[in-house]
Amino acid sequence: MPDESGPAETSTAAALDIRSLRKEFGTAVALDGISLRVPNGSIFGFLGPNGAGKTTTIRIVTGLAHATAGTVRVVGRDLAHDRAAIAREIGFLPDVPGFYDWMTAVEFLGFTGRLFGLGGSALRQRVDDLLDLAGLTNVATRIGGYSRGMKQRLGIAQALINAPRLLILDEPTSALDPIGRREVLETVASLRGRATVFFSTHILADVERVCDTVAILDHGRVVANSSVAALKERAGVHRLAVTVDGDARVLAERLEGAPWLVACDIEDATLRLTVSDAQRAAHDLPRAVAETSLGLLRLANEEVSLEDVFVQLVGGERA
């Protein structure tokens, strides 16, 4: 029987190519014709508020759910026709991974590798390499004694045991303390160029730190898909820092309803403003400060963050 999925991926093809993907649950539409392309070797951030459709997308790509319409190609193969071959090319870390707590990391990775048909010296070398990647080489403790950060790093290692070309991570840094989060992000960053990483998260700072390209999903639709730098450039918003010699909350109340104000964060005596019109905001702010009887100590431009862009695109909802 001919291979209906078409030729395997070339070096210029996308690791993941989704086109017009739709998923319905009865009358509810979870995905409304989304399209996105994940470049080979990239770390791709997948953002969206709760209920946007991120988990549904991942379930379809990993074969855990079926789409209502649309196509998904993974490393050049059509998911509808070559599901078994695609499964061998994907590594997946779910948001709540499960482990056998009585095993050590060596035992767990060895067990996982044998499920993929690995064995002998090749498996031992693969386990050693992944333990080194995860920073767990000299850890003899059983998994039940691991911190959450250690478990997440082990989870990434097990997702890589079959040397996948597409690694899908679902909320890998969620609920981690700052040290665990940093260690997981360093592990993810070390994969750049070695595998394509599809990084789904609600933590915007993590995406800004490690991702090359990002897609933002809102109500089942892709509202942005580009490099992080390009997304900031064309966002149409600006950041201003305003420091006063009194209670900044008074100024924040005075600015409510300003036509150029997108978002306002208060840090002690400083307001960090996201604005749609920097020139008009800079013109209006000194007068607004004067009307509150506060003193203006500082007014300066700041770099736009991915959070600023996200808030603008999804109408103020937080990922």
C-alpha atoms as a PDB file:
ATOM      1  CA  MET A   1       0.000   0.000   0.000  1.00  0.00           C
ATOM      2  CA  PRO A   2       1.427   3.428  -0.865  1.00  0.00           C
ATOM      3  CA  ASP A   3       2.307   5.855   1.918  1.00  0.00           C
ATOM      4  CA  GLU A   4      -0.600   8.294   1.877  1.00  0.00           C
ATOM      5  CA  SER A   5       1.148  10.670   4.232  1.00  0.00           C
ATOM      6  CA  GLY A   6       3.535  11.852   1.539  1.00  0.00           C
ATOM      7  CA  PRO A   7       7.286  12.095   1.751  1.00  0.00           C
ATOM      8  CA  ALA A   8       9.077  12.437   5.044  1.00  0.00           C
ATOM      9  CA  GLU A   9      10.151  15.854   6.143  1.00  0.00           C
ATOM     10  CA  THR A  10      12.904  17.731   4.352  1.00  0.00           C
ATOM     11  CA  SER A  11      15.306  20.046   6.156  1.00  0.00           C
ATOM     12  CA  THR A  12      13.248  23.094   5.172  1.00  0.00           C
ATOM     13  CA  ALA A  13       9.854  21.742   6.287  1.00  0.00           C
ATOM     14  CA  ALA A  14       8.194  22.576   9.579  1.00  0.00           C
ATOM     15  CA  ALA A  15       8.397  20.161  12.487  1.00  0.00           C
ATOM     16  CA  LEU A  16       4.698  20.841  13.070  1.00  0.00           C
ATOM     17  CA  ASP A  17       2.310  22.276  10.486  1.00  0.00           C
ATOM     18  CA  ILE A  18      -1.323  22.813  11.532  1.00  0.00           C
ATOM     19  CA  ARG A  19      -3.842  24.078   9.007  1.00  0.00           C
ATOM     20  CA  SER A  20      -7.472  25.092   9.552  1.00  0.00           C
ATOM     21  CA  LEU A  21      -7.770  22.861  12.613  1.00  0.00           C
ATOM     22  CA  ARG A  22     -11.257  22.724  14.091  1.00  0.00           C
ATOM     23  CA  LYS A  23     -12.567  20.834  17.093  1.00  0.00           C
ATOM     24  CA  GLU A  24     -16.182  20.777  18.194  1.00  0.00           C
ATOM     25  CA  PHE A  25     -17.688  19.309  21.334  1.00  0.00           C
ATOM     26  CA  GLY A  26     -21.366  19.173  20.484  1.00  0.00           C
ATOM     27  CA  THR A  27     -22.343  22.789  19.829  1.00  0.00           C
ATOM     28  CA  ALA A  28     -19.220  24.167  21.543  1.00  0.00           C
ATOM     29  CA  VAL A  29     -16.262  25.113  19.340  1.00  0.00           C
ATOM     30  CA  ALA A  30     -12.918  24.562  21.094  1.00  0.00           C
ATOM     31  CA  LEU A  31     -10.727  25.262  18.049  1.00  0.00           C
ATOM     32  CA  ASP A  32     -12.013  27.511  15.304  1.00  0.00           C
ATOM     33  CA  GLY A  33      -9.827  26.833  12.281  1.00  0.00           C
ATOM     34  CA  ILE A  34      -6.381  27.479  13.769  1.00  0.00           C
ATOM     35  CA  SER A  35      -3.242  27.412  11.609  1.00  0.00           C
ATOM     36  CA  LEU A  36       0.357  27.602  12.790  1.00  0.00           C
ATOM     37  CA  ARG A  37       3.807  26.462  11.718  1.00  0.00           C
ATOM     38  CA  VAL A  38       6.581  25.409  14.103  1.00  0.00           C
ATOM     39  CA  PRO A  39      10.058  25.770  12.527  1.00  0.00           C
ATOM     40  CA  ASN A  40      12.545  22.931  12.778  1.00  0.00           C
ATOM     41  CA  GLY A  41      14.967  23.201  15.681  1.00  0.00           C
ATOM     42  CA  SER A  42      13.097  26.060  17.336  1.00  0.00           C
ATOM     43  CA  ILE A  43      11.664  26.478  20.821  1.00  0.00           C
ATOM     44  CA  PHE A  44       8.081  27.467  20.092  1.00  0.00           C
ATOM     45  CA  GLY A  45       5.930  29.117  22.764  1.00  0.00           C
ATOM     46  CA  PHE A  46       2.210  28.340  22.817  1.00  0.00           C
ATOM     47  CA  LEU A  47       0.272  30.829  24.943  1.00  0.00           C
ATOM     48  CA  GLY A  48      -3.339  31.489  25.765  1.00  0.00           C
ATOM     49  CA  PRO A  49      -5.698  32.136  28.665  1.00  0.00           C
ATOM     50  CA  ASN A  50      -7.450  29.235  30.352  1.00  0.00           C
ATOM     51  CA  GLY A  51      -9.983  27.693  27.995  1.00  0.00           C
ATOM     52  CA  ALA A  52      -8.313  29.093  24.866  1.00  0.00           C
ATOM     53  CA  GLY A  53      -7.796  25.620  23.357  1.00  0.00           C
ATOM     54  CA  LYS A  54      -4.123  24.878  24.163  1.00  0.00           C
ATOM     55  CA  THR A  55      -4.758  21.479  25.754  1.00  0.00           C
ATOM     56  CA  THR A  56      -7.184  20.480  23.001  1.00  0.00           C
ATOM     57  CA  THR A  57      -4.546  21.296  20.392  1.00  0.00           C
ATOM     58  CA  ILE A  58      -1.935  19.201  22.197  1.00  0.00           C
ATOM     59  CA  ARG A  59      -4.336  16.269  22.571  1.00  0.00           C
ATOM     60  CA  ILE A  60      -4.977  16.289  18.826  1.00  0.00           C
ATOM     61  CA  VAL A  61      -1.292  16.548  17.868  1.00  0.00           C
ATOM     62  CA  THR A  62      -0.351  13.695  20.223  1.00  0.00           C
ATOM     63  CA  GLY A  63      -3.157  11.487  18.921  1.00  0.00           C
ATOM     64  CA  LEU A  64      -5.204  11.555  22.128  1.00  0.00           C
ATOM     65  CA  ALA A  65      -8.139  13.268  20.399  1.00  0.00           C
ATOM     66  CA  HIS A  66      -9.459  13.581  16.857  1.00  0.00           C
ATOM     67  CA  ALA A  67     -10.063  16.841  15.040  1.00  0.00           C
ATOM     68  CA  THR A  68     -13.424  17.737  13.571  1.00  0.00           C
ATOM     69  CA  ALA A  69     -11.721  19.226  10.509  1.00  0.00           C
ATOM     70  CA  GLY A  70      -8.323  20.448   9.324  1.00  0.00           C
ATOM     71  CA  THR A  71      -4.898  18.859   8.895  1.00  0.00           C
ATOM     72  CA  VAL A  72      -1.902  18.234  11.141  1.00  0.00           C
ATOM     73  CA  ARG A  73       1.494  17.319   9.716  1.00  0.00           C
ATOM     74  CA  VAL A  74       4.270  16.274  12.075  1.00  0.00           C
ATOM     75  CA  VAL A  75       7.810  16.113  10.617  1.00  0.00           C
ATOM     76  CA  GLY A  76       6.230  16.078   7.172  1.00  0.00           C
ATOM     77  CA  ARG A  77       3.748  13.276   7.802  1.00  0.00           C
ATOM     78  CA  ASP A  78      -0.034  13.564   7.824  1.00  0.00           C
ATOM     79  CA  LEU A  79      -1.459  12.680  11.234  1.00  0.00           C
ATOM     80  CA  ALA A  80      -4.630  11.331   9.642  1.00  0.00           C
ATOM     81  CA  HIS A  81      -2.742   8.668   7.664  1.00  0.00           C
ATOM     82  CA  ASP A  82       0.489   7.962   9.542  1.00  0.00           C
ATOM     83  CA  ARG A  83      -0.375   8.119  13.221  1.00  0.00           C
ATOM     84  CA  ALA A  84       1.900   5.217  14.281  1.00  0.00           C
ATOM     85  CA  ALA A  85       4.988   6.620  12.563  1.00  0.00           C
ATOM     86  CA  ILE A  86       4.318  10.078  14.010  1.00  0.00           C
ATOM     87  CA  ALA A  87       4.023   8.643  17.539  1.00  0.00           C
ATOM     88  CA  ARG A  88       7.644   7.503  17.254  1.00  0.00           C
ATOM     89  CA  GLU A  89       8.719  11.062  16.355  1.00  0.00           C
ATOM     90  CA  ILE A  90       7.015  12.774  19.323  1.00  0.00           C
ATOM     91  CA  GLY A  91       8.098  13.110  22.932  1.00  0.00           C
ATOM     92  CA  PHE A  92       5.462  14.353  25.382  1.00  0.00           C
ATOM     93  CA  LEU A  93       5.535  15.686  28.928  1.00  0.00           C
ATOM     94  CA  PRO A  94       1.967  16.233  30.211  1.00  0.00           C
ATOM     95  CA  ASP A  95       1.122  18.924  32.737  1.00  0.00           C
ATOM     96  CA  VAL A  96       0.832  16.316  35.515  1.00  0.00           C
ATOM     97  CA  PRO A  97       3.345  13.561  34.666  1.00  0.00           C
ATOM     98  CA  GLY A  98       3.241  10.224  36.442  1.00  0.00           C
ATOM     99  CA  PHE A  99       6.235   8.307  37.786  1.00  0.00           C
ATOM    100  CA  TYR A 100       6.940   5.034  39.589  1.00  0.00           C
ATOM    101  CA  ASP A 101       8.113   6.445  42.900  1.00  0.00           C
ATOM    102  CA  TRP A 102       9.938   3.274  43.953  1.00  0.00           C
ATOM    103  CA  MET A 103      12.262   3.455  40.929  1.00  0.00           C
ATOM    104  CA  THR A 104      15.478   5.393  40.551  1.00  0.00           C
ATOM    105  CA  ALA A 105      15.954   7.674  37.553  1.00  0.00           C
ATOM    106  CA  VAL A 106      18.181   5.052  35.884  1.00  0.00           C
ATOM    107  CA  GLU A 107      15.525   2.376  36.343  1.00  0.00           C
ATOM    108  CA  PHE A 108      12.712   4.630  35.139  1.00  0.00           C
ATOM    109  CA  LEU A 109      14.522   5.769  31.989  1.00  0.00           C
ATOM    110  CA  GLY A 110      15.617   2.212  31.274  1.00  0.00           C
ATOM    111  CA  PHE A 111      12.012   1.033  31.598  1.00  0.00           C
ATOM    112  CA  THR A 112      10.791   3.828  29.307  1.00  0.00           C
ATOM    113  CA  GLY A 113      13.499   3.079  26.745  1.00  0.00           C
ATOM    114  CA  ARG A 114      12.578  -0.582  26.575  1.00  0.00           C
ATOM    115  CA  LEU A 115       8.998   0.416  25.746  1.00  0.00           C
ATOM    116  CA  PHE A 116      10.460   1.988  22.593  1.00  0.00           C
ATOM    117  CA  GLY A 117      12.444  -1.137  21.766  1.00  0.00           C
ATOM    118  CA  LEU A 118      15.799   0.159  22.996  1.00  0.00           C
ATOM    119  CA  GLY A 119      18.235  -2.101  24.808  1.00  0.00           C
ATOM    120  CA  GLY A 120      21.822  -3.045  25.502  1.00  0.00           C
ATOM    121  CA  SER A 121      24.658  -0.545  25.281  1.00  0.00           C
ATOM    122  CA  ALA A 122      22.605   1.875  23.160  1.00  0.00           C
ATOM    123  CA  LEU A 123      20.010   2.205  25.918  1.00  0.00           C
ATOM    124  CA  ARG A 124      22.641   2.561  28.643  1.00  0.00           C
ATOM    125  CA  GLN A 125      24.343   5.342  26.704  1.00  0.00           C
ATOM    126  CA  ARG A 126      21.019   7.072  26.040  1.00  0.00           C
ATOM    127  CA  VAL A 127      20.121   6.938  29.739  1.00  0.00           C
ATOM    128  CA  ASP A 128      23.531   8.333  30.711  1.00  0.00           C
ATOM    129  CA  ASP A 129      23.202  11.186  28.207  1.00  0.00           C
ATOM    130  CA  LEU A 130      19.719  12.117  29.394  1.00  0.00           C
ATOM    131  CA  LEU A 131      20.649  11.984  33.071  1.00  0.00           C
ATOM    132  CA  ASP A 132      23.455  14.413  32.267  1.00  0.00           C
ATOM    133  CA  LEU A 133      21.051  16.685  30.373  1.00  0.00           C
ATOM    134  CA  ALA A 134      18.617  16.672  33.311  1.00  0.00           C
ATOM    135  CA  GLY A 135      21.334  17.202  35.930  1.00  0.00           C
ATOM    136  CA  LEU A 136      20.510  13.891  37.641  1.00  0.00           C
ATOM    137  CA  THR A 137      23.658  11.859  36.908  1.00  0.00           C
ATOM    138  CA  ASN A 138      24.735  11.363  40.509  1.00  0.00           C
ATOM    139  CA  VAL A 139      21.291  11.200  42.094  1.00  0.00           C
ATOM    140  CA  ALA A 140      20.680   7.750  43.613  1.00  0.00           C
ATOM    141  CA  THR A 141      17.524   8.754  45.498  1.00  0.00           C
ATOM    142  CA  ARG A 142      14.312   7.021  44.456  1.00  0.00           C
ATOM    143  CA  ILE A 143      11.890   9.206  42.515  1.00  0.00           C
ATOM    144  CA  GLY A 144       9.486   9.419  45.455  1.00  0.00           C
ATOM    145  CA  GLY A 145      12.078  11.558  47.234  1.00  0.00           C
ATOM    146  CA  TYR A 146      12.535  14.016  44.369  1.00  0.00           C
ATOM    147  CA  SER A 147      11.533  17.665  44.468  1.00  0.00           C
ATOM    148  CA  ARG A 148       8.930  18.767  41.918  1.00  0.00           C
ATOM    149  CA  GLY A 149      11.640  20.448  39.862  1.00  0.00           C
ATOM    150  CA  MET A 150      13.703  17.239  39.763  1.00  0.00           C
ATOM    151  CA  LYS A 151      10.632  15.297  38.654  1.00  0.00           C
ATOM    152  CA  GLN A 152       9.963  17.764  35.849  1.00  0.00           C
ATOM    153  CA  ARG A 153      13.557  17.461  34.623  1.00  0.00           C
ATOM    154  CA  LEU A 154      13.253  13.682  34.758  1.00  0.00           C
ATOM    155  CA  GLY A 155       9.982  14.019  32.848  1.00  0.00           C
ATOM    156  CA  ILE A 156      11.752  15.932  30.090  1.00  0.00           C
ATOM    157  CA  ALA A 157      14.430  13.219  29.997  1.00  0.00           C
ATOM    158  CA  GLN A 158      11.839  10.448  29.602  1.00  0.00           C
ATOM    159  CA  ALA A 159      10.109  12.425  26.850  1.00  0.00           C
ATOM    160  CA  LEU A 160      13.450  12.462  25.000  1.00  0.00           C
ATOM    161  CA  ILE A 161      14.275   8.767  25.442  1.00  0.00           C
ATOM    162  CA  ASN A 162      13.172   7.912  21.892  1.00  0.00           C
ATOM    163  CA  ALA A 163      15.173  10.831  20.396  1.00  0.00           C
ATOM    164  CA  PRO A 164      11.997  12.542  19.155  1.00  0.00           C
ATOM    165  CA  ARG A 165      12.127  15.259  16.524  1.00  0.00           C
ATOM    166  CA  LEU A 166       9.225  17.095  18.191  1.00  0.00           C
ATOM    167  CA  LEU A 167       9.127  17.493  21.979  1.00  0.00           C
ATOM    168  CA  ILE A 168       5.809  18.710  23.422  1.00  0.00           C
ATOM    169  CA  LEU A 169       5.891  20.205  26.926  1.00  0.00           C
ATOM    170  CA  ASP A 170       2.598  21.072  28.625  1.00  0.00           C
ATOM    171  CA  GLU A 171       3.094  23.552  31.491  1.00  0.00           C
ATOM    172  CA  PRO A 172       6.561  22.207  32.436  1.00  0.00           C
ATOM    173  CA  THR A 173       7.292  24.988  34.943  1.00  0.00           C
ATOM    174  CA  SER A 174       3.864  25.233  36.556  1.00  0.00           C
ATOM    175  CA  ALA A 175       3.879  25.175  40.385  1.00  0.00           C
ATOM    176  CA  LEU A 176       7.688  25.117  40.589  1.00  0.00           C
ATOM    177  CA  ASP A 177       9.655  27.249  43.023  1.00  0.00           C
ATOM    178  CA  PRO A 178      12.057  29.812  41.467  1.00  0.00           C
ATOM    179  CA  ILE A 179      15.074  27.482  41.610  1.00  0.00           C
ATOM    180  CA  GLY A 180      13.193  24.531  40.101  1.00  0.00           C
ATOM    181  CA  ARG A 181      11.741  26.764  37.420  1.00  0.00           C
ATOM    182  CA  ARG A 182      15.158  28.131  36.475  1.00  0.00           C
ATOM    183  CA  GLU A 183      16.630  24.618  36.253  1.00  0.00           C
ATOM    184  CA  VAL A 184      13.813  23.389  34.010  1.00  0.00           C
ATOM    185  CA  LEU A 185      14.143  26.427  31.741  1.00  0.00           C
ATOM    186  CA  GLU A 186      17.890  25.871  31.470  1.00  0.00           C
ATOM    187  CA  THR A 187      17.195  22.265  30.451  1.00  0.00           C
ATOM    188  CA  VAL A 188      14.705  23.415  27.818  1.00  0.00           C
ATOM    189  CA  ALA A 189      17.077  26.079  26.482  1.00  0.00           C
ATOM    190  CA  SER A 190      19.843  23.475  26.115  1.00  0.00           C
ATOM    191  CA  LEU A 191      17.664  21.627  23.575  1.00  0.00           C
ATOM    192  CA  ARG A 192      17.739  24.486  21.041  1.00  0.00           C
ATOM    193  CA  GLY A 193      18.889  23.085  17.704  1.00  0.00           C
ATOM    194  CA  ARG A 194      18.879  19.501  19.019  1.00  0.00           C
ATOM    195  CA  ALA A 195      15.095  19.018  18.910  1.00  0.00           C
ATOM    196  CA  THR A 196      12.053  21.102  18.140  1.00  0.00           C
ATOM    197  CA  VAL A 197      10.291  22.091  21.364  1.00  0.00           C
ATOM    198  CA  PHE A 198       6.591  22.972  21.530  1.00  0.00           C
ATOM    199  CA  PHE A 199       6.338  24.798  24.857  1.00  0.00           C
ATOM    200  CA  SER A 200       2.765  25.316  26.092  1.00  0.00           C
ATOM    201  CA  THR A 201       2.494  27.499  29.177  1.00  0.00           C
ATOM    202  CA  HIS A 202       0.636  30.316  30.883  1.00  0.00           C
ATOM    203  CA  ILE A 203       3.857  31.838  32.270  1.00  0.00           C
ATOM    204  CA  LEU A 204       4.690  34.649  29.876  1.00  0.00           C
ATOM    205  CA  ALA A 205       8.146  35.363  31.302  1.00  0.00           C
ATOM    206  CA  ASP A 206       9.208  31.770  30.598  1.00  0.00           C
ATOM    207  CA  VAL A 207       8.280  32.084  26.940  1.00  0.00           C
ATOM    208  CA  GLU A 208      10.094  35.405  26.687  1.00  0.00           C
ATOM    209  CA  ARG A 209      13.197  33.822  28.224  1.00  0.00           C
ATOM    210  CA  VAL A 210      13.565  30.660  26.105  1.00  0.00           C
ATOM    211  CA  CYS A 211      11.341  30.788  23.015  1.00  0.00           C
ATOM    212  CA  ASP A 212      12.229  31.884  19.482  1.00  0.00           C
ATOM    213  CA  THR A 213       8.689  32.022  18.125  1.00  0.00           C
ATOM    214  CA  VAL A 214       5.321  32.291  19.806  1.00  0.00           C
ATOM    215  CA  ALA A 215       1.671  31.723  18.973  1.00  0.00           C
ATOM    216  CA  ILE A 216      -1.090  33.225  21.097  1.00  0.00           C
ATOM    217  CA  LEU A 217      -4.426  31.437  21.176  1.00  0.00           C
ATOM    218  CA  ASP A 218      -7.655  33.105  22.303  1.00  0.00           C
ATOM    219  CA  HIS A 219     -11.160  31.596  22.186  1.00  0.00           C
ATOM    220  CA  GLY A 220      -9.982  28.863  19.838  1.00  0.00           C
ATOM    221  CA  ARG A 221      -8.301  31.189  17.345  1.00  0.00           C
ATOM    222  CA  VAL A 222      -4.672  32.141  16.739  1.00  0.00           C
ATOM    223  CA  VAL A 223      -4.434  35.899  17.298  1.00  0.00           C
ATOM    224  CA  ALA A 224      -0.650  36.133  16.840  1.00  0.00           C
ATOM    225  CA  ASN A 225       2.115  33.923  15.462  1.00  0.00           C
ATOM    226  CA  SER A 226       5.611  35.323  14.961  1.00  0.00           C
ATOM    227  CA  SER A 227       8.989  35.744  16.603  1.00  0.00           C
ATOM    228  CA  VAL A 228       8.915  37.295  20.055  1.00  0.00           C
ATOM    229  CA  ALA A 229      10.842  40.336  18.787  1.00  0.00           C
ATOM    230  CA  ALA A 230       8.534  40.896  15.812  1.00  0.00           C
ATOM    231  CA  LEU A 231       5.470  40.522  18.003  1.00  0.00           C
ATOM    232  CA  LYS A 232       6.704  43.269  20.304  1.00  0.00           C
ATOM    233  CA  GLU A 233       7.550  45.559  17.396  1.00  0.00           C
ATOM    234  CA  ARG A 234       4.137  45.432  15.787  1.00  0.00           C
ATOM    235  CA  ALA A 235       2.093  45.261  18.967  1.00  0.00           C
ATOM    236  CA  GLY A 236       1.261  48.949  18.809  1.00  0.00           C
ATOM    237  CA  VAL A 237       1.762  49.469  22.545  1.00  0.00           C
ATOM    238  CA  HIS A 238       4.436  51.273  24.566  1.00  0.00           C
ATOM    239  CA  ARG A 239       5.621  51.250  28.178  1.00  0.00           C
ATOM    240  CA  LEU A 240       6.090  54.275  30.399  1.00  0.00           C
ATOM    241  CA  ALA A 241       7.339  54.444  33.989  1.00  0.00           C
ATOM    242  CA  VAL A 242       6.016  57.303  36.114  1.00  0.00           C
ATOM    243  CA  THR A 243       7.469  57.915  39.584  1.00  0.00           C
ATOM    244  CA  VAL A 244       5.815  60.403  41.933  1.00  0.00           C
ATOM    245  CA  ASP A 245       6.655  61.727  45.399  1.00  0.00           C
ATOM    246  CA  GLY A 246       3.519  60.389  47.014  1.00  0.00           C
ATOM    247  CA  ASP A 247       0.908  57.642  46.784  1.00  0.00           C
ATOM    248  CA  ALA A 248       0.959  56.317  43.200  1.00  0.00           C
ATOM    249  CA  ARG A 249      -2.514  54.842  43.685  1.00  0.00           C
ATOM    250  CA  VAL A 250      -3.934  58.371  43.628  1.00  0.00           C
ATOM    251  CA  LEU A 251      -2.474  58.916  40.163  1.00  0.00           C
ATOM    252  CA  ALA A 252      -3.693  55.493  39.008  1.00  0.00           C
ATOM    253  CA  GLU A 253      -7.246  56.460  39.956  1.00  0.00           C
ATOM    254  CA  ARG A 254      -6.869  59.777  38.126  1.00  0.00           C
ATOM    255  CA  LEU A 255      -5.779  57.954  34.941  1.00  0.00           C
ATOM    256  CA  GLU A 256      -8.717  55.550  34.866  1.00  0.00           C
ATOM    257  CA  GLY A 257     -10.563  55.942  31.585  1.00  0.00           C
ATOM    258  CA  ALA A 258      -7.683  57.641  29.749  1.00  0.00           C
ATOM    259  CA  PRO A 259      -8.166  56.721  26.056  1.00  0.00           C
ATOM    260  CA  TRP A 260      -4.506  55.760  25.627  1.00  0.00           C
ATOM    261  CA  LEU A 261      -4.225  53.591  28.767  1.00  0.00           C
ATOM    262  CA  VAL A 262      -4.057  49.815  28.147  1.00  0.00           C
ATOM    263  CA  ALA A 263      -2.805  48.569  31.526  1.00  0.00           C
ATOM    264  CA  CYS A 264      -1.446  49.969  34.775  1.00  0.00           C
ATOM    265  CA  ASP A 265       0.753  48.280  37.385  1.00  0.00           C
ATOM    266  CA  ILE A 266       1.663  49.900  40.715  1.00  0.00           C
ATOM    267  CA  GLU A 267       5.070  49.343  42.328  1.00  0.00           C
ATOM    268  CA  ASP A 268       5.479  51.533  45.416  1.00  0.00           C
ATOM    269  CA  ALA A 269       5.673  55.134  44.131  1.00  0.00           C
ATOM    270  CA  THR A 270       5.964  54.082  40.468  1.00  0.00           C
ATOM    271  CA  LEU A 271       3.264  53.401  37.905  1.00  0.00           C
ATOM    272  CA  ARG A 272       4.228  51.169  34.996  1.00  0.00           C
ATOM    273  CA  LEU A 273       1.849  52.027  32.201  1.00  0.00           C
ATOM    274  CA  THR A 274       1.117  50.192  28.978  1.00  0.00           C
ATOM    275  CA  VAL A 275      -0.177  52.783  26.521  1.00  0.00           C
ATOM    276  CA  SER A 276      -1.419  52.797  22.940  1.00  0.00           C
ATOM    277  CA  ASP A 277      -0.242  56.341  22.179  1.00  0.00           C
ATOM    278  CA  ALA A 278       3.069  57.202  23.847  1.00  0.00           C
ATOM    279  CA  GLN A 279       3.164  60.780  22.556  1.00  0.00           C
ATOM    280  CA  ARG A 280      -0.287  61.656  23.859  1.00  0.00           C
ATOM    281  CA  ALA A 281       0.381  59.874  27.172  1.00  0.00           C
ATOM    282  CA  ALA A 282       3.623  61.797  27.682  1.00  0.00           C
ATOM    283  CA  HIS A 283       1.728  65.027  26.964  1.00  0.00           C
ATOM    284  CA  ASP A 284      -1.144  64.265  29.374  1.00  0.00           C
ATOM    285  CA  LEU A 285       0.760  62.739  32.287  1.00  0.00           C
ATOM    286  CA  PRO A 286       2.447  65.862  33.745  1.00  0.00           C
ATOM    287  CA  ARG A 287      -0.901  67.631  33.910  1.00  0.00           C
ATOM    288  CA  ALA A 288      -2.568  64.578  35.492  1.00  0.00           C
ATOM    289  CA  VAL A 289       0.173  64.453  38.133  1.00  0.00           C
ATOM    290  CA  ALA A 290      -0.240  68.165  38.856  1.00  0.00           C
ATOM    291  CA  GLU A 291      -3.997  67.747  39.272  1.00  0.00           C
ATOM    292  CA  THR A 292      -3.389  65.169  42.010  1.00  0.00           C
ATOM    293  CA  SER A 293      -1.014  67.551  43.851  1.00  0.00           C
ATOM    294  CA  LEU A 294       1.758  64.979  43.552  1.00  0.00           C
ATOM    295  CA  GLY A 295       5.273  65.746  42.380  1.00  0.00           C
ATOM    296  CA  LEU A 296       6.600  64.148  39.203  1.00  0.00           C
ATOM    297  CA  LEU A 297      10.021  62.638  39.895  1.00  0.00           C
ATOM    298  CA  ARG A 298      10.530  60.560  36.763  1.00  0.00           C
ATOM    299  CA  LEU A 299       8.876  59.861  33.406  1.00  0.00           C
ATOM    300  CA  ALA A 300      10.697  57.362  31.182  1.00  0.00           C
ATOM    301  CA  ASN A 301      10.178  54.863  28.375  1.00  0.00           C
ATOM    302  CA  GLU A 302      10.565  51.147  29.130  1.00  0.00           C
ATOM    303  CA  GLU A 303      10.848  48.076  26.919  1.00  0.00           C
ATOM    304  CA  VAL A 304       7.563  46.434  25.975  1.00  0.00           C
ATOM    305  CA  SER A 305       7.194  42.961  27.493  1.00  0.00           C
ATOM    306  CA  LEU A 306       5.445  39.920  26.084  1.00  0.00           C
ATOM    307  CA  GLU A 307       2.891  40.338  28.868  1.00  0.00           C
ATOM    308  CA  ASP A 308       2.005  43.788  27.517  1.00  0.00           C
ATOM    309  CA  VAL A 309       1.401  42.299  24.082  1.00  0.00           C
ATOM    310  CA  PHE A 310      -0.590  39.405  25.496  1.00  0.00           C
ATOM    311  CA  VAL A 311      -2.888  41.641  27.534  1.00  0.00           C
ATOM    312  CA  GLN A 312      -3.571  43.797  24.486  1.00  0.00           C
ATOM    313  CA  LEU A 313      -4.354  40.831  22.224  1.00  0.00           C
ATOM    314  CA  VAL A 314      -6.646  38.894  24.559  1.00  0.00           C
ATOM    315  CA  GLY A 315      -8.507  41.850  25.978  1.00  0.00           C
ATOM    316  CA  GLY A 316      -7.004  41.908  29.445  1.00  0.00           C
ATOM    317  CA  GLU A 317      -7.289  38.199  30.280  1.00  0.00           C
ATOM    318  CA  ARG A 318      -4.226  36.625  31.854  1.00  0.00           C
ATOM    319  CA  ALA A 319      -2.657  33.423  30.591  1.00  0.00           C
END
